[in-house]
Amino acid sequence: MAHAAATRELGYQLVAVASRTPERAATLVETFGGTAVTYAALPGNADVVIVATPPQCHAADAVRLLDAGCAVLLEKPLCRTLAEADQLVAAAARNGGRLLYGENLAYAPVVQQMVALAPRVGSPTHLEVRSLQGLPSWGEFTTDEWGGGALFDLGVHPLSVAMLLANAAGEGRPVAVAATLRGGESHGSDEHAELRLRYRSGFVATVIASWQAGPEPMWDAQFAGTASVVRAELLPVQALEFNGVAVALPAAASPIPALDQLGYSAQLRALVTDVAAGREPAMSATFGREVLQVVLAAYTSAGRRGDEVELPFTGPPDLTPLQLWRRG
């Protein structure tokens, strides 16, 4: 729904909608326009296809559409395994990098300004990014087919923000991760995750993702160093402070403020602009793979009672996060 609304707000034409049921596709068409079609009919005459199918379908769907000649906005999480991620990276490479990994927060004004301020914190001493909310009441997020739970699905948002902030401050990519996971009732997936990302300098960042909070979501980030502190509220409202002083954020131009505030409109606009310019999006398949490998290493760590796992991840490339957690 968010991607379809962003399409309309940007003035792009929605030409086709496919869903798992004809009724669902028809409802979206009634709201946003276009024609209801089957998955096999895509891309049709579309220049861009937004892939928001379940994670187990991402690799096959995106590779087919890329090879059919269209650009792809691939909703997070990227996919379930490293083998699938490698297929996506290869498909994007042979098609001019025309895939954007759907980390919408990377395009949110509050996150972009926080990343811009990150080099001013000095030598990092503290970084914590959290996404806390209730368990989704819809979807199949806790099924084995999905591939993973709170960390795999929700957790990629705070993880991506943490990685962007640390990298902007000169820390590069994490070299190891340790994690603890907590499951929920009546299913075998995780509902709460806490990660410690270690960097080559010795700096450690913390990421927390939970479906055992709520009902009001609370997403925030705090980054401190030897020189400054920057803090952001991401949900339920957006706010930014630098050394305790409020930093102005741009007013949302859309009648649906979340489309601007959470980066959905900017994300889609960036893909269209990047494709037209012949350049790969900043949120590329390669970045999505980097996030996924941290997630896979974290599930492995949790299966080993929180032992640190080195990065880049060298575990089995064909196992999902849940399978790695249970494997120990």
Foldseek 3Di string as FASTA:
>chain_A
DLLLVLCVQVPHDDAEFEDPDQVVRVVSCVVRNHYYDHLVCPPPPDQEDEDPDQQQCQLVSQLVNLVVPHAYEYEPLNHFFLVSLVSQVVSCVVNLQRYFDPQQQCQAQLLVVLLVCLLQQAAWDAKEWEKEAADDPDDDQQAVSSQAHQCRGVVLNRVLSRQSSCVSNPQHGFFKKWKAFDCDPPGLHTFKMWMWTATPVRHIYIYITGNPDDNFIWTWMWIHHPRWIKIWTLPPDTWIDIRRHTDDTDAQPDPPRCSRNSRSNVSVVQSVVCVVVSHHGPNTSVVSSSSNQNLLNHLLNNLVVGDMDTPPDDDDRPHGSSRNNVVD
